[in-house]
N, C-alpha and C. Protein backbone atom coordinates (compact mmCIF):
# COMPACT_ATOMS: atom_id res chain seq x y z
N UNK A 1 15.43 -45.61 91.64
CA UNK A 1 17.00 -45.69 91.08
C UNK A 1 17.49 -46.81 91.93
N UNK A 2 17.26 -46.68 93.21
CA UNK A 2 18.21 -47.19 94.25
C UNK A 2 17.89 -48.67 93.74
N UNK A 3 16.64 -49.23 94.24
CA UNK A 3 15.97 -50.31 94.32
C UNK A 3 16.85 -51.36 93.11
N UNK A 4 17.23 -50.40 91.74
CA UNK A 4 17.04 -50.85 90.89
C UNK A 4 18.81 -50.45 90.76
N UNK A 5 19.78 -50.44 91.04
CA UNK A 5 21.19 -51.05 91.46
C UNK A 5 21.49 -51.70 92.67
N UNK A 6 19.86 -51.64 93.20
CA UNK A 6 20.74 -52.96 94.22
C UNK A 6 20.27 -54.51 93.29
N UNK A 7 19.18 -54.36 93.00
CA UNK A 7 18.35 -55.70 91.77
C UNK A 7 20.14 -56.13 91.09
N UNK A 8 20.83 -55.06 90.27
CA UNK A 8 22.06 -54.99 89.71
C UNK A 8 23.24 -56.06 90.84
N UNK A 9 23.05 -55.19 90.98
CA UNK A 9 24.27 -56.00 92.10
C UNK A 9 23.67 -57.37 93.13
N UNK A 10 22.44 -57.57 92.94
CA UNK A 10 22.44 -59.20 93.86
C UNK A 10 22.44 -60.20 92.33
N UNK A 11 21.95 -59.40 91.67
CA UNK A 11 21.88 -60.22 89.91
C UNK A 11 23.62 -61.23 89.77
N UNK A 12 24.86 -60.10 90.13
CA UNK A 12 25.80 -60.00 89.84
C UNK A 12 26.66 -60.16 91.41
N UNK A 13 26.22 -60.15 92.18
CA UNK A 13 26.79 -60.84 93.71
C UNK A 13 27.62 -62.72 93.58
N UNK A 14 27.45 -63.38 93.11
CA UNK A 14 27.56 -64.65 92.48
C UNK A 14 29.07 -64.45 92.32
N UNK A 15 29.17 -63.50 91.21
CA UNK A 15 30.14 -63.03 90.03
C UNK A 15 31.28 -62.28 91.46
N UNK A 16 30.92 -61.67 92.12
CA UNK A 16 31.86 -61.22 93.15
C UNK A 16 33.23 -62.65 93.56
N UNK A 17 32.99 -63.40 93.70
CA UNK A 17 33.77 -64.27 94.20
C UNK A 17 34.52 -65.04 92.82
N UNK A 18 34.36 -64.79 91.67
CA UNK A 18 34.57 -64.77 90.74
C UNK A 18 35.98 -64.26 90.32
N UNK A 19 35.37 -62.78 90.70
CA UNK A 19 35.95 -61.87 90.42
C UNK A 19 37.46 -61.41 91.68
N UNK A 20 36.89 -62.14 92.61
CA UNK A 20 38.42 -62.25 93.65
C UNK A 20 39.28 -63.05 93.90
N UNK A 21 38.78 -64.04 92.79
CA UNK A 21 39.65 -65.36 91.99
C UNK A 21 40.56 -64.66 91.30
N UNK A 22 39.42 -63.86 90.61
CA UNK A 22 40.48 -63.27 89.35
C UNK A 22 41.87 -62.31 89.40
N UNK A 23 41.18 -61.62 90.73
CA UNK A 23 42.05 -60.23 91.25
C UNK A 23 43.30 -61.13 91.79
N UNK A 24 43.12 -61.88 92.84
CA UNK A 24 44.57 -63.22 93.45
C UNK A 24 45.50 -64.07 92.45
N UNK A 25 44.90 -64.65 91.07
CA UNK A 25 45.73 -64.49 90.07
C UNK A 25 46.43 -64.12 89.23
N UNK A 26 45.40 -62.72 88.98
CA UNK A 26 46.40 -61.78 88.28
C UNK A 26 47.31 -60.81 89.18
N UNK A 27 46.90 -60.90 90.15
CA UNK A 27 47.73 -60.28 91.15
C UNK A 27 49.09 -61.77 91.47
N UNK A 28 49.21 -62.49 91.50
CA UNK A 28 50.23 -63.33 91.53
C UNK A 28 50.55 -63.07 90.23
N UNK A 29 50.12 -63.16 89.13
CA UNK A 29 50.95 -63.31 87.73
C UNK A 29 51.72 -61.07 87.65
N UNK A 30 51.25 -60.83 88.33
CA UNK A 30 52.21 -59.45 89.06
C UNK A 30 52.58 -59.35 89.56
N UNK A 31 52.92 -60.28 91.26
CA UNK A 31 53.71 -60.34 91.56
C UNK A 31 55.25 -60.74 90.69
N UNK A 32 54.55 -61.89 89.90
CA UNK A 32 56.08 -62.44 88.52
C UNK A 32 56.36 -61.81 87.78
N UNK A 33 55.56 -61.01 87.67
CA UNK A 33 56.07 -59.96 86.22
C UNK A 33 55.67 -60.65 85.13
N UNK A 34 54.32 -61.17 84.90
CA UNK A 34 54.20 -61.98 83.53
C UNK A 34 53.29 -61.43 83.06
N UNK A 35 52.15 -59.86 83.86
CA UNK A 35 51.20 -59.43 83.29
C UNK A 35 50.97 -58.89 83.80
N UNK A 36 50.28 -57.24 83.02
CA UNK A 36 50.15 -55.62 83.60
C UNK A 36 48.95 -56.09 84.33
N UNK A 37 48.22 -56.07 85.37
CA UNK A 37 46.93 -56.16 85.93
C UNK A 37 46.33 -55.15 85.56
N UNK A 38 46.65 -53.69 84.96
CA UNK A 38 46.12 -52.68 85.68
C UNK A 38 44.54 -52.57 84.83
N UNK A 39 44.40 -53.21 83.79
CA UNK A 39 43.61 -53.09 82.26
C UNK A 39 42.59 -54.17 81.93
N UNK A 40 43.15 -55.39 82.59
CA UNK A 40 42.25 -56.30 82.54
C UNK A 40 41.60 -56.56 83.90
N UNK A 41 41.50 -55.85 85.03
CA UNK A 41 40.40 -56.30 85.89
C UNK A 41 39.94 -54.70 86.12
N UNK A 42 40.31 -53.54 85.88
CA UNK A 42 38.39 -52.68 85.73
C UNK A 42 37.49 -52.60 84.17
N UNK A 43 38.53 -53.70 82.95
CA UNK A 43 37.38 -54.15 82.00
C UNK A 43 37.13 -55.81 82.18
N UNK A 44 37.53 -56.06 83.39
CA UNK A 44 36.56 -57.33 83.52
C UNK A 44 35.24 -57.26 84.27
N UNK A 45 35.05 -55.80 84.87
CA UNK A 45 34.27 -55.64 85.48
C UNK A 45 32.90 -54.95 84.59
N UNK A 46 33.50 -54.71 83.61
CA UNK A 46 32.68 -54.42 82.60
C UNK A 46 31.96 -56.01 81.37
N UNK A 47 32.52 -56.97 81.78
CA UNK A 47 31.92 -57.78 81.02
C UNK A 47 30.76 -58.65 82.13
N UNK A 48 31.54 -58.36 83.18
CA UNK A 48 30.38 -59.06 84.59
C UNK A 48 29.38 -58.40 84.33
N UNK A 49 29.28 -56.80 84.22
CA UNK A 49 28.21 -56.12 84.12
C UNK A 49 27.48 -56.61 83.25
N UNK A 50 28.01 -56.95 82.09
CA UNK A 50 26.88 -57.44 80.51
C UNK A 50 26.31 -58.68 80.58
N UNK A 51 26.67 -58.82 81.79
CA UNK A 51 26.15 -60.51 81.82
C UNK A 51 24.57 -60.26 82.42
N UNK A 52 24.26 -59.09 83.16
CA UNK A 52 23.06 -58.31 83.49
C UNK A 52 22.89 -57.82 82.66
N UNK A 53 22.73 -58.00 81.67
CA UNK A 53 21.67 -57.51 80.04
C UNK A 53 21.18 -59.21 80.01
N UNK A 54 21.58 -60.56 80.08
CA UNK A 54 21.73 -61.59 79.72
C UNK A 54 20.04 -62.06 81.08
N UNK A 55 20.59 -62.25 82.04
CA UNK A 55 19.39 -62.17 83.09
C UNK A 55 18.29 -60.54 83.30
N UNK A 56 18.63 -59.61 82.48
CA UNK A 56 17.07 -59.24 82.37
C UNK A 56 16.61 -59.66 81.15
N UNK A 57 16.96 -60.46 80.31
CA UNK A 57 16.42 -60.63 78.98
C UNK A 57 16.26 -62.14 79.14
N UNK A 58 16.51 -62.78 79.95
CA UNK A 58 15.81 -64.17 80.70
C UNK A 58 14.50 -64.15 81.63
N UNK A 59 14.78 -63.30 82.95
CA UNK A 59 13.53 -63.35 83.23
C UNK A 59 12.68 -61.70 82.33
N UNK A 60 12.70 -61.55 81.73
CA UNK A 60 11.85 -61.10 80.59
C UNK A 60 11.50 -59.27 82.33
N UNK A 61 12.80 -58.64 82.52
CA UNK A 61 12.67 -57.98 83.39
C UNK A 61 12.42 -56.46 82.97
N UNK A 62 12.97 -56.18 82.03
CA UNK A 62 12.60 -54.75 80.75
C UNK A 62 11.14 -54.65 80.74
N UNK A 63 10.12 -56.02 81.07
CA UNK A 63 8.89 -55.72 80.00
C UNK A 63 8.21 -54.79 81.66
N UNK A 64 8.62 -55.43 82.16
CA UNK A 64 8.38 -55.40 83.94
C UNK A 64 8.38 -54.07 84.72
N UNK A 65 9.89 -53.69 84.03
CA UNK A 65 10.55 -52.29 84.54
C UNK A 65 9.60 -51.29 83.89
N UNK A 66 9.67 -51.06 82.92
CA UNK A 66 8.62 -49.98 82.28
C UNK A 66 7.74 -49.25 83.14
N UNK A 67 6.77 -50.78 83.62
CA UNK A 67 5.71 -50.34 84.18
C UNK A 67 5.98 -49.09 85.24
N UNK A 68 7.59 -49.47 85.84
CA UNK A 68 7.14 -48.39 87.21
C UNK A 68 7.61 -47.07 86.89
N UNK A 69 7.83 -45.84 88.24
CA UNK A 69 7.87 -44.17 87.66
C UNK A 69 9.17 -44.74 86.91
N UNK A 70 8.78 -43.70 85.66
CA UNK A 70 10.07 -43.71 85.40
C UNK A 70 11.24 -44.92 84.46
N UNK A 71 10.33 -45.97 84.93
CA UNK A 71 11.09 -46.86 84.67
C UNK A 71 12.24 -46.96 83.47
N UNK A 72 11.75 -46.70 82.76
CA UNK A 72 12.27 -47.21 81.58
C UNK A 72 13.85 -45.92 81.20
N UNK A 73 13.56 -44.41 82.08
CA UNK A 73 14.89 -44.51 82.09
C UNK A 73 15.84 -44.40 83.61
N UNK A 74 15.00 -44.74 84.71
CA UNK A 74 15.79 -44.89 85.68
C UNK A 74 16.06 -46.17 85.71
N UNK A 75 15.91 -47.34 84.52
CA UNK A 75 16.42 -49.02 83.71
C UNK A 75 17.39 -48.79 83.58
N UNK A 76 17.74 -47.86 82.51
CA UNK A 76 19.38 -47.30 81.63
C UNK A 76 19.97 -46.95 82.67
N UNK A 77 19.80 -45.76 83.67
CA UNK A 77 20.75 -44.79 84.58
C UNK A 77 21.26 -46.12 85.68
N UNK A 78 20.18 -46.55 86.29
CA UNK A 78 21.26 -47.05 87.72
C UNK A 78 22.07 -48.62 86.75
N UNK A 79 21.51 -49.20 85.44
CA UNK A 79 22.89 -50.15 84.56
C UNK A 79 24.13 -49.39 84.51
N UNK A 80 23.60 -47.73 84.01
CA UNK A 80 25.31 -46.91 83.91
C UNK A 80 25.94 -46.59 85.32
N UNK A 81 25.33 -46.20 86.16
CA UNK A 81 25.67 -46.24 86.81
C UNK A 81 25.93 -47.29 88.20
N UNK A 82 25.50 -48.29 87.93
CA UNK A 82 26.29 -49.10 88.50
C UNK A 82 27.20 -49.49 88.24
N UNK A 83 27.57 -50.25 86.64
CA UNK A 83 28.53 -50.21 85.99
C UNK A 83 29.62 -49.13 86.72
N UNK A 84 29.59 -48.30 86.80
CA UNK A 84 30.80 -46.75 86.73
C UNK A 84 31.39 -47.17 88.04
N UNK A 85 30.14 -47.82 88.92
CA UNK A 85 30.59 -47.95 90.51
C UNK A 85 31.78 -49.26 90.42
N UNK A 86 31.20 -50.04 89.57
CA UNK A 86 32.39 -51.07 89.23
C UNK A 86 33.64 -51.38 89.09
N UNK A 87 33.64 -49.87 87.97
CA UNK A 87 34.75 -49.85 87.10
C UNK A 87 35.99 -49.07 88.00
N UNK A 88 35.27 -47.85 89.35
CA UNK A 88 35.84 -47.04 89.73
C UNK A 88 36.42 -47.60 91.03
N UNK A 89 34.81 -48.97 91.74
CA UNK A 89 35.84 -50.06 92.96
C UNK A 89 37.07 -51.03 92.69
N UNK A 90 36.75 -51.62 92.03
CA UNK A 90 37.81 -52.54 91.08
C UNK A 90 39.21 -51.80 90.02
N UNK A 91 39.01 -51.01 89.66
CA UNK A 91 40.84 -50.03 89.20
C UNK A 91 41.23 -48.94 90.58
N UNK A 92 40.43 -48.87 92.06
CA UNK A 92 40.94 -48.92 93.14
C UNK A 92 41.55 -49.74 93.32
N UNK A 93 41.07 -50.86 93.07
CA UNK A 93 41.80 -52.09 93.82
C UNK A 93 42.88 -52.43 92.91
N UNK A 94 43.13 -52.42 92.28
CA UNK A 94 43.93 -52.44 91.03
C UNK A 94 45.21 -51.71 91.39
N UNK A 95 44.48 -50.30 91.38
CA UNK A 95 46.26 -49.79 91.87
C UNK A 95 46.72 -49.56 93.19
N UNK A 96 45.74 -50.43 94.12
CA UNK A 96 46.80 -50.89 95.60
C UNK A 96 47.37 -51.83 95.06
N UNK A 97 47.06 -52.83 94.11
CA UNK A 97 47.37 -54.13 93.80
C UNK A 97 48.77 -53.82 93.34
N UNK A 98 48.47 -52.47 91.92
CA UNK A 98 50.12 -52.18 91.21
C UNK A 98 50.77 -51.45 92.58
N UNK A 99 50.21 -50.47 93.47
CA UNK A 99 51.70 -50.57 94.25
C UNK A 99 52.45 -51.34 94.50
N UNK A 100 51.38 -51.96 95.68
CA UNK A 100 52.16 -53.17 96.52
C UNK A 100 53.12 -53.82 95.19
N UNK A 101 52.78 -53.98 94.38
CA UNK A 101 53.60 -55.41 92.94
C UNK A 101 54.86 -54.73 92.76
N UNK A 102 54.44 -52.88 92.90
CA UNK A 102 55.74 -52.38 92.11
C UNK A 102 57.10 -52.21 93.63
N UNK A 103 56.60 -52.13 95.26
CA UNK A 103 56.91 -52.03 95.98
C UNK A 103 57.94 -53.83 96.67
N UNK A 104 57.29 -54.36 95.91
CA UNK A 104 57.89 -56.06 96.56
C UNK A 104 58.85 -56.46 95.59
N UNK A 105 58.26 -55.44 93.90
CA UNK A 105 59.23 -56.03 92.95
C UNK A 105 60.57 -55.78 92.62
N UNK A 106 60.62 -53.68 93.08
CA UNK A 106 60.92 -53.20 93.35
C UNK A 106 61.73 -52.04 94.30
N UNK A 107 60.85 -52.57 95.61
CA UNK A 107 61.46 -52.17 96.70
C UNK A 107 61.42 -49.59 96.70
N UNK A 108 60.40 -49.49 95.60
CA UNK A 108 60.00 -48.34 95.47
C UNK A 108 59.14 -48.80 94.87
N UNK A 109 57.78 -46.97 94.46
CA UNK A 109 56.59 -47.19 93.91
C UNK A 109 57.04 -46.32 93.39
N UNK A 110 56.60 -46.49 91.73
CA UNK A 110 56.07 -45.79 90.55
C UNK A 110 55.09 -45.28 90.60
N UNK A 111 55.34 -43.70 91.69
CA UNK A 111 53.81 -43.34 92.36
C UNK A 111 52.71 -42.95 90.19
N UNK A 112 54.57 -41.60 89.79
CA UNK A 112 53.39 -41.36 88.77
C UNK A 112 53.30 -41.89 88.05
N UNK A 113 54.14 -42.91 87.78
CA UNK A 113 53.66 -43.54 86.45
C UNK A 113 52.92 -44.95 86.63
N UNK A 114 52.39 -45.38 87.40
CA UNK A 114 50.63 -45.78 88.02
C UNK A 114 49.61 -45.58 87.72
N UNK A 115 49.80 -44.19 88.06
CA UNK A 115 48.61 -43.05 87.89
C UNK A 115 47.81 -43.01 86.90
N UNK A 116 49.15 -42.97 86.31
CA UNK A 116 49.25 -42.75 84.88
C UNK A 116 49.01 -43.73 83.70
N UNK A 117 49.16 -45.01 84.11
CA UNK A 117 48.61 -45.91 83.77
C UNK A 117 47.07 -46.50 83.72
N UNK A 118 46.84 -46.20 84.90
CA UNK A 118 45.75 -46.57 85.62
C UNK A 118 44.35 -45.37 85.03
N UNK A 119 44.86 -44.22 84.86
CA UNK A 119 44.46 -43.36 84.45
C UNK A 119 43.59 -43.71 82.77
N UNK A 120 45.30 -43.60 82.23
CA UNK A 120 44.69 -44.52 80.63
C UNK A 120 43.81 -45.82 80.40
N UNK A 121 43.83 -46.80 81.44
CA UNK A 121 42.90 -47.61 81.32
C UNK A 121 41.42 -47.65 81.61
N UNK A 122 41.50 -46.66 82.71
CA UNK A 122 40.67 -45.78 83.21
C UNK A 122 39.13 -45.81 82.15
N UNK A 123 40.32 -45.08 81.24
CA UNK A 123 39.42 -43.99 80.09
C UNK A 123 39.49 -44.38 79.16
N UNK A 124 40.11 -46.11 78.64
CA UNK A 124 39.88 -46.99 77.26
C UNK A 124 38.76 -48.53 78.27
N UNK A 125 38.83 -48.48 79.77
CA UNK A 125 37.49 -48.41 80.01
C UNK A 125 36.08 -47.95 79.89
N UNK A 126 35.92 -47.06 80.27
CA UNK A 126 34.65 -46.47 79.61
C UNK A 126 34.86 -45.76 78.23
N UNK A 127 36.08 -45.97 77.79
CA UNK A 127 34.93 -45.34 75.72
C UNK A 127 34.57 -47.08 75.63
N UNK A 128 35.15 -48.12 76.19
CA UNK A 128 34.54 -49.43 75.39
C UNK A 128 33.09 -49.21 76.50
N UNK A 129 32.97 -48.54 77.96
CA UNK A 129 31.35 -48.91 77.75
C UNK A 129 30.23 -48.27 77.44
N UNK A 130 31.11 -46.80 77.04
CA UNK A 130 30.29 -46.23 75.82
C UNK A 130 29.42 -46.40 74.83
N UNK A 131 30.66 -47.11 74.36
CA UNK A 131 30.34 -48.30 73.11
C UNK A 131 29.67 -49.05 72.88
N UNK A 132 29.79 -49.80 74.30
CA UNK A 132 29.19 -50.82 74.18
C UNK A 132 27.94 -51.10 74.27
N UNK A 133 27.03 -50.35 75.43
CA UNK A 133 25.80 -50.24 75.67
C UNK A 133 24.48 -49.86 74.94
N UNK A 134 25.01 -48.56 74.05
CA UNK A 134 23.99 -47.85 73.15
C UNK A 134 23.82 -48.87 72.22
N UNK A 135 24.81 -49.81 71.93
CA UNK A 135 24.76 -51.04 70.49
C UNK A 135 23.53 -52.63 70.98
N UNK A 136 24.48 -52.57 73.03
CA UNK A 136 23.64 -53.59 72.93
C UNK A 136 22.49 -53.48 73.34
N UNK A 137 21.90 -52.48 73.77
CA UNK A 137 20.48 -51.31 74.11
C UNK A 137 19.49 -52.07 72.20
N UNK A 138 19.91 -51.71 71.81
CA UNK A 138 19.64 -51.73 70.50
C UNK A 138 19.83 -52.73 69.61
N UNK A 139 20.48 -53.85 69.49
CA UNK A 139 19.97 -54.72 69.24
C UNK A 139 20.07 -56.21 70.23
N UNK A 140 20.41 -55.62 71.54
CA UNK A 140 20.23 -57.04 72.09
C UNK A 140 21.82 -57.61 72.24
N UNK A 141 22.03 -58.40 73.26
CA UNK A 141 23.48 -59.07 74.10
C UNK A 141 23.87 -59.65 72.80
N UNK A 142 22.77 -60.50 72.11
CA UNK A 142 23.46 -61.74 71.32
C UNK A 142 23.83 -60.84 69.91
N UNK A 143 22.85 -60.23 69.26
CA UNK A 143 23.22 -59.30 67.80
C UNK A 143 24.58 -58.44 68.50
N UNK A 144 24.29 -58.17 69.37
CA UNK A 144 25.59 -56.63 69.71
C UNK A 144 27.01 -57.49 69.69
N UNK A 145 27.75 -58.86 70.56
CA UNK A 145 28.24 -59.04 70.00
C UNK A 145 29.00 -59.81 68.28
N UNK A 146 28.32 -59.95 67.85
CA UNK A 146 29.13 -60.37 66.20
C UNK A 146 29.09 -58.34 65.47
N UNK A 147 28.58 -57.66 65.66
CA UNK A 147 28.14 -56.07 65.75
C UNK A 147 29.53 -55.56 66.23
N UNK A 148 29.50 -55.41 67.58
CA UNK A 148 30.84 -55.41 68.21
C UNK A 148 32.55 -56.04 67.29
N UNK A 149 32.07 -56.99 67.83
CA UNK A 149 33.72 -58.15 66.72
C UNK A 149 33.80 -57.73 64.97
N UNK A 150 32.68 -57.27 64.11
CA UNK A 150 32.68 -56.73 63.10
C UNK A 150 33.30 -55.58 63.50
N UNK A 151 32.62 -54.52 64.09
CA UNK A 151 33.04 -52.21 64.52
C UNK A 151 34.96 -53.16 64.19
N UNK A 152 34.77 -53.68 66.25
CA UNK A 152 36.48 -53.37 66.03
C UNK A 152 37.25 -53.93 65.28
N UNK A 153 36.80 -54.96 64.27
CA UNK A 153 37.75 -55.67 63.58
C UNK A 153 38.03 -54.22 62.21
N UNK A 154 37.17 -53.63 62.09
CA UNK A 154 36.42 -52.44 61.03
C UNK A 154 37.80 -51.08 61.41
N UNK A 155 37.44 -51.20 62.84
CA UNK A 155 38.72 -49.45 63.49
C UNK A 155 39.93 -50.26 63.12
N UNK A 156 40.59 -51.89 63.61
CA UNK A 156 41.80 -52.49 63.03
C UNK A 156 42.07 -52.52 61.56
N UNK A 157 42.12 -52.45 61.21
CA UNK A 157 41.77 -52.57 59.38
C UNK A 157 42.29 -50.93 59.20
N UNK A 158 41.03 -49.73 59.38
CA UNK A 158 40.96 -48.61 59.57
C UNK A 158 42.74 -47.90 59.24
N UNK A 159 42.24 -48.43 61.18
CA UNK A 159 43.83 -47.59 61.43
C UNK A 159 44.95 -48.11 61.12
N UNK A 160 45.16 -49.92 60.74
CA UNK A 160 46.37 -49.98 59.88
C UNK A 160 46.60 -49.24 58.74
N UNK A 161 45.63 -49.82 57.70
CA UNK A 161 45.31 -48.84 56.72
C UNK A 161 46.21 -46.79 56.68
N UNK A 162 45.46 -46.60 58.08
CA UNK A 162 45.84 -44.71 58.04
C UNK A 162 47.11 -44.45 58.29
N UNK A 163 47.37 -45.80 58.71
CA UNK A 163 49.19 -45.39 59.79
C UNK A 163 50.08 -46.01 58.18
N UNK A 164 49.59 -46.55 57.02
CA UNK A 164 50.45 -47.40 56.39
C UNK A 164 50.57 -46.11 55.17
N UNK A 165 49.56 -44.98 55.61
CA UNK A 165 49.43 -44.58 53.94
C UNK A 165 49.43 -43.04 54.06
N UNK A 166 49.20 -42.50 55.70
CA UNK A 166 49.29 -41.61 55.91
C UNK A 166 49.89 -41.16 57.08
N UNK A 167 50.91 -40.08 56.82
CA UNK A 167 51.96 -39.11 58.60
C UNK A 167 50.54 -38.81 58.84
N UNK A 168 50.41 -39.98 60.64
CA UNK A 168 49.66 -39.80 61.51
C UNK A 168 51.14 -38.69 62.82
N UNK A 169 52.25 -38.81 61.85
CA UNK A 169 53.30 -37.97 63.04
C UNK A 169 52.73 -36.26 63.67
N UNK A 170 51.51 -35.57 63.01
CA UNK A 170 50.73 -34.68 63.44
C UNK A 170 50.37 -35.07 64.86
N UNK A 171 49.06 -36.35 65.58
CA UNK A 171 48.94 -36.68 66.48
C UNK A 171 49.92 -36.86 67.60
N UNK A 172 51.11 -37.26 67.56
CA UNK A 172 51.85 -37.09 68.22
C UNK A 172 52.49 -35.48 69.13
N UNK A 173 52.52 -34.81 67.87
CA UNK A 173 52.52 -33.61 67.82
C UNK A 173 51.26 -32.40 68.55
N UNK A 174 50.49 -33.06 68.22
CA UNK A 174 49.50 -32.05 69.05
C UNK A 174 48.82 -32.63 70.50
N UNK A 175 49.42 -34.18 70.85
CA UNK A 175 49.54 -34.85 72.50
C UNK A 175 50.53 -34.23 72.88
N UNK A 176 51.59 -33.40 72.41
CA UNK A 176 52.82 -32.71 72.89
C UNK A 176 52.38 -31.09 73.30
N UNK A 177 51.00 -31.12 72.40
CA UNK A 177 51.39 -29.51 71.76
C UNK A 177 50.15 -29.68 73.70
N UNK A 178 49.23 -30.27 74.03
CA UNK A 178 48.31 -30.92 74.79
C UNK A 178 48.76 -31.37 76.42
N UNK A 179 49.95 -31.56 76.21
CA UNK A 179 50.68 -31.81 77.25
C UNK A 179 50.03 -31.66 78.95
N UNK A 180 50.44 -30.55 79.38
CA UNK A 180 49.12 -29.66 80.18
C UNK A 180 47.94 -30.00 80.37
N UNK A 181 47.47 -29.66 79.60
CA UNK A 181 46.23 -30.23 79.66
C UNK A 181 45.67 -31.52 79.81
N UNK A 182 46.22 -32.62 79.13
CA UNK A 182 45.74 -33.46 78.65
C UNK A 182 45.16 -34.36 79.24
N UNK A 183 45.35 -34.28 80.56
CA UNK A 183 44.54 -34.62 81.73
C UNK A 183 42.95 -34.52 82.28
N UNK A 184 43.20 -32.92 82.20
CA UNK A 184 41.77 -32.21 81.97
C UNK A 184 41.10 -32.80 81.25
N UNK A 185 41.80 -32.88 79.80
CA UNK A 185 41.20 -32.92 78.10
C UNK A 185 40.78 -34.33 78.27
N UNK A 186 40.74 -35.45 78.87
CA UNK A 186 40.74 -36.90 78.43
C UNK A 186 40.10 -37.07 79.35
N UNK A 187 39.55 -35.77 81.08
CA UNK A 187 38.55 -35.81 82.11
C UNK A 187 37.05 -35.63 81.11
N UNK A 188 37.08 -33.72 80.26
CA UNK A 188 36.13 -33.63 80.37
C UNK A 188 35.87 -34.89 79.42
N UNK A 189 36.72 -35.32 77.97
CA UNK A 189 35.90 -35.98 77.22
C UNK A 189 35.02 -37.34 77.66
N UNK A 190 35.65 -38.05 78.77
CA UNK A 190 35.34 -39.20 79.72
C UNK A 190 34.18 -39.30 79.82
N UNK A 191 33.76 -37.80 79.92
CA UNK A 191 32.66 -37.32 81.29
C UNK A 191 31.13 -37.20 79.44
N UNK A 192 32.13 -36.35 78.40
CA UNK A 192 31.12 -36.48 77.78
C UNK A 192 30.72 -37.67 76.76
N UNK A 193 31.79 -38.31 76.85
CA UNK A 193 31.41 -39.60 76.33
C UNK A 193 30.46 -40.76 76.45
N UNK A 194 30.20 -40.42 78.17
CA UNK A 194 29.59 -41.40 78.83
C UNK A 194 28.34 -40.66 78.78
N UNK A 195 28.01 -39.78 79.19
CA UNK A 195 26.94 -39.03 79.10
C UNK A 195 26.28 -39.09 77.62
N UNK A 196 26.69 -38.89 76.23
CA UNK A 196 26.09 -39.37 75.39
C UNK A 196 26.05 -40.54 74.48
N UNK A 197 26.34 -41.67 75.50
CA UNK A 197 26.57 -42.73 75.80
C UNK A 197 24.59 -43.07 76.14
N UNK A 198 24.99 -42.35 77.72
CA UNK A 198 23.84 -42.71 77.96
C UNK A 198 22.46 -42.33 77.46
N UNK A 199 22.51 -41.00 76.86
CA UNK A 199 21.70 -40.33 76.32
C UNK A 199 20.87 -41.63 75.06
N UNK A 200 22.39 -41.62 74.12
CA UNK A 200 21.01 -42.60 73.67
C UNK A 200 20.31 -44.15 73.76
N UNK A 201 21.51 -44.48 74.75
CA UNK A 201 20.93 -45.64 75.22
C UNK A 201 19.29 -45.84 75.73
N UNK A 202 19.26 -44.33 76.18
CA UNK A 202 18.04 -44.30 77.15
C UNK A 202 16.97 -43.71 75.62
N UNK A 203 17.68 -43.14 75.02
CA UNK A 203 16.27 -43.36 73.92
C UNK A 203 16.03 -43.84 73.14
N UNK A 204 16.71 -45.26 73.15
CA UNK A 204 16.86 -46.31 72.22
C UNK A 204 16.29 -47.06 73.18
N UNK A 205 16.10 -47.35 74.57
CA UNK A 205 15.50 -47.72 75.11
C UNK A 205 13.93 -47.57 75.38
N UNK A 206 13.89 -45.80 75.36
CA UNK A 206 12.23 -45.92 75.62
C UNK A 206 11.65 -45.76 74.35
N UNK A 207 12.07 -46.26 72.97
CA UNK A 207 11.06 -46.30 71.33
C UNK A 207 11.14 -47.51 72.01
N UNK A 208 11.77 -48.42 72.48
CA UNK A 208 11.78 -50.15 72.55
C UNK A 208 10.45 -50.51 73.00
N UNK A 209 9.98 -51.16 72.32
CA UNK A 209 8.88 -51.48 72.34
C UNK A 209 8.86 -53.58 73.08
N UNK A 210 8.43 -54.23 74.12
CA UNK A 210 7.64 -54.81 74.59
C UNK A 210 7.25 -55.87 74.65
């Protein structure tokens, strides 16, 4: 599986320069207080990793990978592991930049606020990962883009409908009740949803014919 991880890293190596430029651009915007960089950079790491699916399709990599020992399982696992590593590394860089921006702009570092924001953004990024990858494995990248748009649009419509016609104040009360355990609960939820996403993607890929 290490070789498959190296393969994905090699494919996105040309994007590291672009990612570096984006980090510099968003850091400058952060110093100018024009943008909160805490979400956009970790999210960009997923977008870069999604490009590897296009490379795999173009080079007919999946048809080759299934001939390797445990090829189907390791191919999916390596994709998830590489993506998770990318998210964590970029999130760490983003957190360091957030500390620096906070210190330069305010002469103080609000560690608690930044850490809470970063944790929430990491959770959101892993949520996107857990949602996207099974769809991509099932329908392919091109069709998945349409499906993702429709589902996200549907979620927005449903969310707006519920907030308009139903009392959702119980959500706030529930979160207040769970405040002392919220971080642990979210970590557990994050691990479970990524694991389930991986198992679904693995099942889909195992049944796929090339």
